[in-house]
Full PDB file with SEQRES, HELIX, SHEET, SSBOND, CRYST1, ORIGX, SCALE, CONECT and MASTER records, all heavy atoms in Angstrom:
SEQRES   1 A   39  LEU LYS GLY GLN ILE SER GLU LEU GLU LEU HIS THR ILE          
SEQRES   2 A   39  ARG ALA ARG LEU THR ALA GLY VAL LEU SER LYS ALA LYS          
SEQRES   3 A   39  ARG GLY GLU LEU ALA LEU SER LEU PRO THR GLY LEU ALA          
HELIX    1 AA1 LYS A    2  ARG A   27  1                                  26    
CRYST1    1.000    1.000    1.000  90.00  90.00  90.00 P 1           1          
ORIGX1      1.000000  0.000000  0.000000        0.00000                         
ORIGX2      0.000000  1.000000  0.000000        0.00000                         
ORIGX3      0.000000  0.000000  1.000000        0.00000                         
SCALE1      1.000000  0.000000  0.000000        0.00000                         
SCALE2      0.000000  1.000000  0.000000        0.00000                         
SCALE3      0.000000  0.000000  1.000000        0.00000                         
ATOM      1  N   LEU A   1       0.841  -1.242   0.047  1.00  0.00           N  
ATOM      2  CA  LEU A   1       0.033  -0.032   0.036  1.00  0.00           C  
ATOM      3  C   LEU A   1       0.914   1.212  -0.012  1.00  0.00           C  
ATOM      4  O   LEU A   1       0.619   2.239  -0.777  1.00  0.00           O  
ATOM      5  CB  LEU A   1      -0.900   0.008   1.163  1.00  0.00           C  
ATOM      6  CG  LEU A   1      -2.036  -1.024   1.168  1.00  0.00           C  
ATOM      7  CD1 LEU A   1      -2.772  -1.067   2.508  1.00  0.00           C  
ATOM      8  CD2 LEU A   1      -3.158  -0.578   0.024  1.00  0.00           C  
ATOM      9  N   LYS A   2       1.984   1.338   0.768  1.00  0.00           N  
ATOM     10  CA  LYS A   2       2.874   2.400   0.843  1.00  0.00           C  
ATOM     11  C   LYS A   2       3.485   2.655  -0.553  1.00  0.00           C  
ATOM     12  O   LYS A   2       3.505   3.831  -0.964  1.00  0.00           O  
ATOM     13  CB  LYS A   2       3.940   2.251   1.829  1.00  0.00           C  
ATOM     14  CG  LYS A   2       3.484   2.409   3.310  1.00  0.00           C  
ATOM     15  CD  LYS A   2       4.624   2.168   4.191  1.00  0.00           C  
ATOM     16  CE  LYS A   2       4.339   2.487   5.697  1.00  0.00           C  
ATOM     17  NZ  LYS A   2       4.786   3.945   6.005  1.00  0.00           N  
ATOM     18  N   GLY A   3       3.824   1.565  -1.176  1.00  0.00           N  
ATOM     19  CA  GLY A   3       4.480   1.790  -2.515  1.00  0.00           C  
ATOM     20  C   GLY A   3       3.442   2.326  -3.652  1.00  0.00           C  
ATOM     21  O   GLY A   3       3.773   3.048  -4.416  1.00  0.00           O  
ATOM     22  N   GLN A   4       2.211   1.726  -3.541  1.00  0.00           N  
ATOM     23  CA  GLN A   4       1.210   2.260  -4.408  1.00  0.00           C  
ATOM     24  C   GLN A   4       0.922   3.785  -4.289  1.00  0.00           C  
ATOM     25  O   GLN A   4       0.750   4.490  -5.186  1.00  0.00           O  
ATOM     26  CB  GLN A   4      -0.111   1.458  -4.344  1.00  0.00           C  
ATOM     27  CG  GLN A   4       0.164   0.050  -4.950  1.00  0.00           C  
ATOM     28  CD  GLN A   4      -1.157  -0.899  -4.727  1.00  0.00           C  
ATOM     29  OE1 GLN A   4      -1.946  -0.487  -4.105  1.00  0.00           O  
ATOM     30  NE2 GLN A   4      -1.042  -2.045  -5.484  1.00  0.00           N  
ATOM     31  N   ILE A   5       0.754   4.151  -2.907  1.00  0.00           N  
ATOM     32  CA  ILE A   5       0.423   5.508  -2.594  1.00  0.00           C  
ATOM     33  C   ILE A   5       1.575   6.403  -3.159  1.00  0.00           C  
ATOM     34  O   ILE A   5       1.424   7.472  -3.698  1.00  0.00           O  
ATOM     35  CB  ILE A   5       0.120   5.821  -1.004  1.00  0.00           C  
ATOM     36  CG1 ILE A   5      -1.121   5.098  -0.754  1.00  0.00           C  
ATOM     37  CG2 ILE A   5       0.233   7.157  -0.773  1.00  0.00           C  
ATOM     38  CD1 ILE A   5      -1.449   4.842   0.740  1.00  0.00           C  
ATOM     39  N   SER A   6       2.871   5.829  -2.998  1.00  0.00           N  
ATOM     40  CA  SER A   6       4.015   6.743  -3.354  1.00  0.00           C  
ATOM     41  C   SER A   6       4.029   6.720  -4.852  1.00  0.00           C  
ATOM     42  O   SER A   6       4.281   7.886  -5.438  1.00  0.00           O  
ATOM     43  CB  SER A   6       5.305   5.937  -3.021  1.00  0.00           C  
ATOM     44  OG  SER A   6       6.478   6.523  -3.355  1.00  0.00           O  
ATOM     45  N   GLU A   7       3.747   5.875  -5.625  1.00  0.00           N  
ATOM     46  CA  GLU A   7       3.608   5.915  -7.222  1.00  0.00           C  
ATOM     47  C   GLU A   7       2.553   6.805  -7.511  1.00  0.00           C  
ATOM     48  O   GLU A   7       2.782   7.711  -8.568  1.00  0.00           O  
ATOM     49  CB  GLU A   7       3.455   4.537  -7.724  1.00  0.00           C  
ATOM     50  CG  GLU A   7       3.597   4.587  -9.220  1.00  0.00           C  
ATOM     51  CD  GLU A   7       3.455   3.029  -9.799  1.00  0.00           C  
ATOM     52  OE1 GLU A   7       2.370   2.684  -9.880  1.00  0.00           O  
ATOM     53  OE2 GLU A   7       4.525   2.594 -10.353  1.00  0.00           O  
ATOM     54  N   LEU A   8       1.405   6.740  -6.864  1.00  0.00           N  
ATOM     55  CA  LEU A   8       0.270   7.724  -7.213  1.00  0.00           C  
ATOM     56  C   LEU A   8       0.725   9.147  -6.953  1.00  0.00           C  
ATOM     57  O   LEU A   8       0.375  10.141  -7.657  1.00  0.00           O  
ATOM     58  CB  LEU A   8      -0.986   7.335  -6.397  1.00  0.00           C  
ATOM     59  CG  LEU A   8      -2.075   8.203  -6.448  1.00  0.00           C  
ATOM     60  CD1 LEU A   8      -2.729   8.152  -7.973  1.00  0.00           C  
ATOM     61  CD2 LEU A   8      -3.268   7.837  -5.528  1.00  0.00           C  
ATOM     62  N   GLU A   9       1.456   9.356  -5.751  1.00  0.00           N  
ATOM     63  CA  GLU A   9       1.842  10.752  -5.473  1.00  0.00           C  
ATOM     64  C   GLU A   9       2.681  11.221  -6.499  1.00  0.00           C  
ATOM     65  O   GLU A   9       2.613  12.414  -6.803  1.00  0.00           O  
ATOM     66  CB  GLU A   9       2.517  10.603  -4.025  1.00  0.00           C  
ATOM     67  CG  GLU A   9       2.952  12.021  -3.508  1.00  0.00           C  
ATOM     68  CD  GLU A   9       3.748  11.769  -2.284  1.00  0.00           C  
ATOM     69  OE1 GLU A   9       4.583  11.062  -2.100  1.00  0.00           O  
ATOM     70  OE2 GLU A   9       3.420  12.636  -1.366  1.00  0.00           O  
ATOM     71  N   LEU A  10       3.698  10.466  -7.004  1.00  0.00           N  
ATOM     72  CA  LEU A  10       4.632  10.901  -8.057  1.00  0.00           C  
ATOM     73  C   LEU A  10       3.804  11.315  -9.354  1.00  0.00           C  
ATOM     74  O   LEU A  10       4.095  12.435  -9.931  1.00  0.00           O  
ATOM     75  CB  LEU A  10       5.592   9.752  -8.381  1.00  0.00           C  
ATOM     76  CG  LEU A  10       6.631  10.083  -9.407  1.00  0.00           C  
ATOM     77  CD1 LEU A  10       7.555  11.227  -8.881  1.00  0.00           C  
ATOM     78  CD2 LEU A  10       7.466   8.937  -9.695  1.00  0.00           C  
ATOM     79  N   HIS A  11       2.879  10.525  -9.705  1.00  0.00           N  
ATOM     80  CA  HIS A  11       1.991  10.777 -10.876  1.00  0.00           C  
ATOM     81  C   HIS A  11       1.084  12.164 -10.609  1.00  0.00           C  
ATOM     82  O   HIS A  11       0.953  12.909 -11.518  1.00  0.00           O  
ATOM     83  CB  HIS A  11       1.007   9.651 -11.282  1.00  0.00           C  
ATOM     84  CG  HIS A  11       1.788   8.588 -11.879  1.00  0.00           C  
ATOM     85  ND1 HIS A  11       2.433   8.566 -13.104  1.00  0.00           N  
ATOM     86  CD2 HIS A  11       2.010   7.239 -11.390  1.00  0.00           C  
ATOM     87  CE1 HIS A  11       2.969   7.474 -13.411  1.00  0.00           C  
ATOM     88  NE2 HIS A  11       2.727   6.657 -12.365  1.00  0.00           N  
ATOM     89  N   THR A  12       0.663  12.231  -9.379  1.00  0.00           N  
ATOM     90  CA  THR A  12      -0.178  13.506  -9.115  1.00  0.00           C  
ATOM     91  C   THR A  12       0.763  14.798  -9.172  1.00  0.00           C  
ATOM     92  O   THR A  12       0.351  15.764  -9.754  1.00  0.00           O  
ATOM     93  CB  THR A  12      -0.755  13.363  -7.619  1.00  0.00           C  
ATOM     94  OG1 THR A  12      -1.432  12.112  -7.599  1.00  0.00           O  
ATOM     95  CG2 THR A  12      -1.545  14.463  -7.237  1.00  0.00           C  
ATOM     96  N   ILE A  13       2.021  14.641  -8.559  1.00  0.00           N  
ATOM     97  CA  ILE A  13       2.963  15.791  -8.679  1.00  0.00           C  
ATOM     98  C   ILE A  13       3.254  16.117 -10.067  1.00  0.00           C  
ATOM     99  O   ILE A  13       3.199  17.273 -10.584  1.00  0.00           O  
ATOM    100  CB  ILE A  13       4.148  15.565  -7.875  1.00  0.00           C  
ATOM    101  CG1 ILE A  13       3.843  15.381  -6.399  1.00  0.00           C  
ATOM    102  CG2 ILE A  13       5.356  16.464  -8.220  1.00  0.00           C  
ATOM    103  CD1 ILE A  13       5.099  14.853  -5.582  1.00  0.00           C  
ATOM    104  N   ARG A  14       3.484  15.106 -10.925  1.00  0.00           N  
ATOM    105  CA  ARG A  14       3.792  15.368 -12.255  1.00  0.00           C  
ATOM    106  C   ARG A  14       2.580  15.966 -13.020  1.00  0.00           C  
ATOM    107  O   ARG A  14       2.796  16.933 -13.920  1.00  0.00           O  
ATOM    108  CB  ARG A  14       4.163  14.051 -13.026  1.00  0.00           C  
ATOM    109  CG  ARG A  14       5.599  13.615 -12.816  1.00  0.00           C  
ATOM    110  CD  ARG A  14       5.861  12.449 -13.719  1.00  0.00           C  
ATOM    111  NE  ARG A  14       7.129  11.918 -13.276  1.00  0.00           N  
ATOM    112  CZ  ARG A  14       7.657  10.571 -13.486  1.00  0.00           C  
ATOM    113  NH1 ARG A  14       6.738   9.747 -13.895  1.00  0.00           N  
ATOM    114  NH2 ARG A  14       8.846  10.267 -13.202  1.00  0.00           N  
ATOM    115  N   ALA A  15       1.373  15.501 -12.808  1.00  0.00           N  
ATOM    116  CA  ALA A  15       0.225  16.031 -13.381  1.00  0.00           C  
ATOM    117  C   ALA A  15      -0.033  17.608 -12.963  1.00  0.00           C  
ATOM    118  O   ALA A  15      -0.399  18.377 -13.927  1.00  0.00           O  
ATOM    119  CB  ALA A  15      -1.018  15.224 -12.976  1.00  0.00           C  
ATOM    120  N   ARG A  16       0.275  17.870 -11.756  1.00  0.00           N  
ATOM    121  CA  ARG A  16       0.048  19.192 -11.345  1.00  0.00           C  
ATOM    122  C   ARG A  16       1.097  20.083 -11.966  1.00  0.00           C  
ATOM    123  O   ARG A  16       0.764  21.209 -12.462  1.00  0.00           O  
ATOM    124  CB  ARG A  16       0.312  19.334  -9.856  1.00  0.00           C  
ATOM    125  CG  ARG A  16      -0.975  19.548  -9.019  1.00  0.00           C  
ATOM    126  CD  ARG A  16      -0.862  19.759  -7.621  1.00  0.00           C  
ATOM    127  NE  ARG A  16      -0.897  18.559  -6.906  1.00  0.00           N  
ATOM    128  CZ  ARG A  16      -0.233  18.035  -5.957  1.00  0.00           C  
ATOM    129  NH1 ARG A  16       0.971  18.818  -5.595  1.00  0.00           N  
ATOM    130  NH2 ARG A  16      -0.156  16.891  -5.331  1.00  0.00           N  
ATOM    131  N   LEU A  17       2.410  19.608 -12.032  1.00  0.00           N  
ATOM    132  CA  LEU A  17       3.442  20.497 -12.796  1.00  0.00           C  
ATOM    133  C   LEU A  17       2.993  20.685 -14.240  1.00  0.00           C  
ATOM    134  O   LEU A  17       3.179  21.807 -14.769  1.00  0.00           O  
ATOM    135  CB  LEU A  17       4.720  19.853 -12.574  1.00  0.00           C  
ATOM    136  CG  LEU A  17       5.342  19.777 -11.219  1.00  0.00           C  
ATOM    137  CD1 LEU A  17       6.573  18.950 -11.162  1.00  0.00           C  
ATOM    138  CD2 LEU A  17       5.611  21.368 -10.778  1.00  0.00           C  
ATOM    139  N   THR A  18       2.621  19.631 -14.907  1.00  0.00           N  
ATOM    140  CA  THR A  18       2.283  19.710 -16.241  1.00  0.00           C  
ATOM    141  C   THR A  18       1.180  20.748 -16.556  1.00  0.00           C  
ATOM    142  O   THR A  18       1.104  21.461 -17.466  1.00  0.00           O  
ATOM    143  CB  THR A  18       1.905  18.224 -16.920  1.00  0.00           C  
ATOM    144  OG1 THR A  18       3.147  17.530 -16.599  1.00  0.00           O  
ATOM    145  CG2 THR A  18       1.636  18.310 -18.401  1.00  0.00           C  
ATOM    146  N   ALA A  19       0.137  20.528 -15.796  1.00  0.00           N  
ATOM    147  CA  ALA A  19      -1.141  21.492 -15.825  1.00  0.00           C  
ATOM    148  C   ALA A  19      -0.607  22.907 -15.698  1.00  0.00           C  
ATOM    149  O   ALA A  19      -1.089  23.760 -16.450  1.00  0.00           O  
ATOM    150  CB  ALA A  19      -2.147  21.115 -14.734  1.00  0.00           C  
ATOM    151  N   GLY A  20       0.272  23.265 -14.660  1.00  0.00           N  
ATOM    152  CA  GLY A  20       0.777  24.582 -14.564  1.00  0.00           C  
ATOM    153  C   GLY A  20       1.456  25.085 -15.781  1.00  0.00           C  
ATOM    154  O   GLY A  20       1.255  26.184 -16.143  1.00  0.00           O  
ATOM    155  N   VAL A  21       2.329  24.230 -16.325  1.00  0.00           N  
ATOM    156  CA  VAL A  21       3.074  24.589 -17.597  1.00  0.00           C  
ATOM    157  C   VAL A  21       2.107  24.867 -18.663  1.00  0.00           C  
ATOM    158  O   VAL A  21       2.267  25.927 -19.291  1.00  0.00           O  
ATOM    159  CB  VAL A  21       4.119  23.566 -17.834  1.00  0.00           C  
ATOM    160  CG1 VAL A  21       4.751  23.771 -19.350  1.00  0.00           C  
ATOM    161  CG2 VAL A  21       5.264  23.416 -16.970  1.00  0.00           C  
ATOM    162  N   LEU A  22       1.169  24.040 -18.965  1.00  0.00           N  
ATOM    163  CA  LEU A  22       0.207  24.284 -20.020  1.00  0.00           C  
ATOM    164  C   LEU A  22      -0.675  25.474 -19.808  1.00  0.00           C  
ATOM    165  O   LEU A  22      -0.973  26.219 -20.605  1.00  0.00           O  
ATOM    166  CB  LEU A  22      -0.758  22.913 -20.106  1.00  0.00           C  
ATOM    167  CG  LEU A  22      -0.080  21.695 -20.542  1.00  0.00           C  
ATOM    168  CD1 LEU A  22      -1.040  20.557 -20.539  1.00  0.00           C  
ATOM    169  CD2 LEU A  22       0.441  21.840 -21.991  1.00  0.00           C  
ATOM    170  N   SER A  23      -1.135  25.739 -18.546  1.00  0.00           N  
ATOM    171  CA  SER A  23      -1.891  26.934 -18.311  1.00  0.00           C  
ATOM    172  C   SER A  23      -0.968  28.101 -18.570  1.00  0.00           C  
ATOM    173  O   SER A  23      -1.600  29.210 -19.259  1.00  0.00           O  
ATOM    174  CB  SER A  23      -2.328  26.881 -16.785  1.00  0.00           C  
ATOM    175  OG  SER A  23      -2.888  28.053 -16.513  1.00  0.00           O  
ATOM    176  N   LYS A  24       0.266  28.219 -18.145  1.00  0.00           N  
ATOM    177  CA  LYS A  24       1.042  29.321 -18.413  1.00  0.00           C  
ATOM    178  C   LYS A  24       1.255  29.556 -20.079  1.00  0.00           C  
ATOM    179  O   LYS A  24       1.175  30.697 -20.541  1.00  0.00           O  
ATOM    180  CB  LYS A  24       2.483  29.273 -17.832  1.00  0.00           C  
ATOM    181  CG  LYS A  24       2.596  29.708 -16.494  1.00  0.00           C  
ATOM    182  CD  LYS A  24       4.029  29.673 -15.979  1.00  0.00           C  
ATOM    183  CE  LYS A  24       4.175  30.521 -14.774  1.00  0.00           C  
ATOM    184  NZ  LYS A  24       5.565  30.543 -14.399  1.00  0.00           N  
ATOM    185  N   ALA A  25       1.442  28.407 -20.740  1.00  0.00           N  
ATOM    186  CA  ALA A  25       1.677  28.478 -22.182  1.00  0.00           C  
ATOM    187  C   ALA A  25       0.309  28.945 -22.878  1.00  0.00           C  
ATOM    188  O   ALA A  25       0.444  29.792 -23.739  1.00  0.00           O  
ATOM    189  CB  ALA A  25       1.958  27.027 -22.679  1.00  0.00           C  
ATOM    190  N   LYS A  26      -0.848  28.647 -22.431  1.00  0.00           N  
ATOM    191  CA  LYS A  26      -2.044  29.115 -22.972  1.00  0.00           C  
ATOM    192  C   LYS A  26      -2.211  30.623 -22.813  1.00  0.00           C  
ATOM    193  O   LYS A  26      -2.797  31.312 -23.830  1.00  0.00           O  
ATOM    194  CB  LYS A  26      -3.296  28.339 -22.345  1.00  0.00           C  
ATOM    195  CG  LYS A  26      -3.513  26.976 -22.927  1.00  0.00           C  
ATOM    196  CD  LYS A  26      -4.628  26.265 -22.176  1.00  0.00           C  
ATOM    197  CE  LYS A  26      -4.720  24.916 -22.680  1.00  0.00           C  
ATOM    198  NZ  LYS A  26      -5.816  24.118 -21.887  1.00  0.00           N  
ATOM    199  N   ARG A  27      -1.720  31.104 -21.741  1.00  0.00           N  
ATOM    200  CA  ARG A  27      -1.792  32.539 -21.471  1.00  0.00           C  
ATOM    201  C   ARG A  27      -0.646  33.345 -22.178  1.00  0.00           C  
ATOM    202  O   ARG A  27      -0.705  34.522 -22.053  1.00  0.00           O  
ATOM    203  CB  ARG A  27      -1.843  32.740 -19.942  1.00  0.00           C  
ATOM    204  CG  ARG A  27      -2.897  32.473 -19.223  1.00  0.00           C  
ATOM    205  CD  ARG A  27      -2.969  32.976 -17.718  1.00  0.00           C  
ATOM    206  NE  ARG A  27      -1.674  32.869 -17.050  1.00  0.00           N  
ATOM    207  CZ  ARG A  27      -1.382  31.850 -16.322  1.00  0.00           C  
ATOM    208  NH1 ARG A  27      -2.203  30.862 -16.117  1.00  0.00           N  
ATOM    209  NH2 ARG A  27      -0.095  31.860 -15.594  1.00  0.00           N  
ATOM    210  N   GLY A  28       0.227  32.593 -22.659  1.00  0.00           N  
ATOM    211  CA  GLY A  28       1.412  33.215 -23.410  1.00  0.00           C  
ATOM    212  C   GLY A  28       2.535  33.678 -22.391  1.00  0.00           C  
ATOM    213  O   GLY A  28       3.271  34.574 -22.673  1.00  0.00           O  
ATOM    214  N   GLU A  29       2.463  33.140 -21.160  1.00  0.00           N  
ATOM    215  CA  GLU A  29       3.407  33.559 -20.144  1.00  0.00           C  
ATOM    216  C   GLU A  29       4.434  32.567 -19.847  1.00  0.00           C  
ATOM    217  O   GLU A  29       5.244  32.728 -18.830  1.00  0.00           O  
ATOM    218  CB  GLU A  29       2.709  33.857 -18.824  1.00  0.00           C  
ATOM    219  CG  GLU A  29       1.645  35.009 -19.026  1.00  0.00           C  
ATOM    220  CD  GLU A  29       0.670  35.240 -17.803  1.00  0.00           C  
ATOM    221  OE1 GLU A  29       1.053  34.533 -16.673  1.00  0.00           O  
ATOM    222  OE2 GLU A  29      -0.217  35.978 -17.814  1.00  0.00           O  
ATOM    223  N   LEU A  30       4.509  31.419 -20.561  1.00  0.00           N  
ATOM    224  CA  LEU A  30       5.559  30.487 -20.292  1.00  0.00           C  
ATOM    225  C   LEU A  30       6.974  30.910 -20.848  1.00  0.00           C  
ATOM    226  O   LEU A  30       7.054  31.151 -22.101  1.00  0.00           O  
ATOM    227  CB  LEU A  30       5.166  29.124 -20.999  1.00  0.00           C  
ATOM    228  CG  LEU A  30       6.180  27.903 -20.817  1.00  0.00           C  
ATOM    229  CD1 LEU A  30       6.125  27.552 -19.376  1.00  0.00           C  
ATOM    230  CD2 LEU A  30       5.702  26.830 -21.680  1.00  0.00           C  
ATOM    231  N   ALA A  31       7.838  31.129 -19.985  1.00  0.00           N  
ATOM    232  CA  ALA A  31       9.191  31.660 -20.298  1.00  0.00           C  
ATOM    233  C   ALA A  31      10.054  30.465 -20.323  1.00  0.00           C  
ATOM    234  O   ALA A  31      10.584  30.124 -19.222  1.00  0.00           O  
ATOM    235  CB  ALA A  31       9.544  32.713 -19.247  1.00  0.00           C  
ATOM    236  N   LEU A  32      10.436  29.980 -21.408  1.00  0.00           N  
ATOM    237  CA  LEU A  32      11.571  28.992 -21.528  1.00  0.00           C  
ATOM    238  C   LEU A  32      12.902  29.564 -21.355  1.00  0.00           C  
ATOM    239  O   LEU A  32      13.233  30.786 -21.659  1.00  0.00           O  
ATOM    240  CB  LEU A  32      11.294  28.224 -22.867  1.00  0.00           C  
ATOM    241  CG  LEU A  32      10.028  27.575 -22.880  1.00  0.00           C  
ATOM    242  CD1 LEU A  32       9.935  26.773 -24.293  1.00  0.00           C  
ATOM    243  CD2 LEU A  32       9.766  26.386 -21.933  1.00  0.00           C  
ATOM    244  N   SER A  33      13.948  28.750 -21.178  1.00  0.00           N  
ATOM    245  CA  SER A  33      15.328  29.191 -21.038  1.00  0.00           C  
ATOM    246  C   SER A  33      15.754  29.661 -22.610  1.00  0.00           C  
ATOM    247  O   SER A  33      15.480  28.956 -23.594  1.00  0.00           O  
ATOM    248  CB  SER A  33      16.252  28.098 -20.728  1.00  0.00           C  
ATOM    249  OG  SER A  33      15.946  27.608 -19.340  1.00  0.00           O  
ATOM    250  N   LEU A  34      16.589  30.644 -22.628  1.00  0.00           N  
ATOM    251  CA  LEU A  34      16.821  31.306 -23.904  1.00  0.00           C  
ATOM    252  C   LEU A  34      18.193  30.811 -24.275  1.00  0.00           C  
ATOM    253  O   LEU A  34      19.079  30.654 -23.354  1.00  0.00           O  
ATOM    254  CB  LEU A  34      16.841  32.803 -23.776  1.00  0.00           C  
ATOM    255  CG  LEU A  34      15.398  33.361 -23.508  1.00  0.00           C  
ATOM    256  CD1 LEU A  34      15.479  34.890 -23.330  1.00  0.00           C  
ATOM    257  CD2 LEU A  34      14.446  33.113 -24.726  1.00  0.00           C  
ATOM    258  N   PRO A  35      18.601  30.700 -25.503  1.00  0.00           N  
ATOM    259  CA  PRO A  35      19.912  30.335 -25.931  1.00  0.00           C  
ATOM    260  C   PRO A  35      20.901  31.494 -25.632  1.00  0.00           C  
ATOM    261  O   PRO A  35      20.459  32.729 -25.426  1.00  0.00           O  
ATOM    262  CB  PRO A  35      19.737  30.101 -27.405  1.00  0.00           C  
ATOM    263  CG  PRO A  35      18.478  30.590 -27.946  1.00  0.00           C  
ATOM    264  CD  PRO A  35      17.693  30.810 -26.529  1.00  0.00           C  
ATOM    265  N   THR A  36      22.121  31.153 -25.498  1.00  0.00           N  
ATOM    266  CA  THR A  36      23.282  32.197 -25.276  1.00  0.00           C  
ATOM    267  C   THR A  36      23.066  33.220 -26.242  1.00  0.00           C  
ATOM    268  O   THR A  36      22.922  33.088 -27.515  1.00  0.00           O  
ATOM    269  CB  THR A  36      24.495  31.505 -25.380  1.00  0.00           C  
ATOM    270  OG1 THR A  36      24.478  30.436 -24.536  1.00  0.00           O  
ATOM    271  CG2 THR A  36      25.648  32.427 -25.145  1.00  0.00           C  
ATOM    272  N   GLY A  37      23.176  34.432 -25.786  1.00  0.00           N  
ATOM    273  CA  GLY A  37      23.086  35.678 -26.765  1.00  0.00           C  
ATOM    274  C   GLY A  37      21.763  36.278 -26.607  1.00  0.00           C  
ATOM    275  O   GLY A  37      21.755  37.527 -27.132  1.00  0.00           O  
ATOM    276  N   LEU A  38      20.797  35.767 -26.196  1.00  0.00           N  
ATOM    277  CA  LEU A  38      19.519  36.346 -26.039  1.00  0.00           C  
ATOM    278  C   LEU A  38      19.169  36.594 -24.561  1.00  0.00           C  
ATOM    279  O   LEU A  38      19.591  35.870 -23.697  1.00  0.00           O  
ATOM    280  CB  LEU A  38      18.451  35.402 -26.634  1.00  0.00           C  
ATOM    281  CG  LEU A  38      18.556  35.240 -28.279  1.00  0.00           C  
ATOM    282  CD1 LEU A  38      17.429  34.313 -28.688  1.00  0.00           C  
ATOM    283  CD2 LEU A  38      18.484  36.513 -29.133  1.00  0.00           C  
ATOM    284  N   ALA A  39      18.314  37.581 -24.266  1.00  0.00           N  
ATOM    285  CA  ALA A  39      17.981  37.886 -23.010  1.00  0.00           C  
ATOM    286  C   ALA A  39      16.531  38.341 -22.994  1.00  0.00           C  
ATOM    287  O   ALA A  39      15.963  38.647 -24.155  1.00  0.00           O  
ATOM    288  CB  ALA A  39      18.840  39.011 -22.433  1.00  0.00           C  
TER     289      ALA A  39                                                      
MASTER        0    0    0    1    0    0    0    6  288    1    0    3          
END                                                                             
């Protein structure tokens, strides 16, 4: 049970992070790392 809860928790954390990234991208606020020479 501990192992299954742990795996579920990992998937939940990933889903939350992905949802946050997608939400920022939809609003046009997702700032990715820029290549050298740009700021």
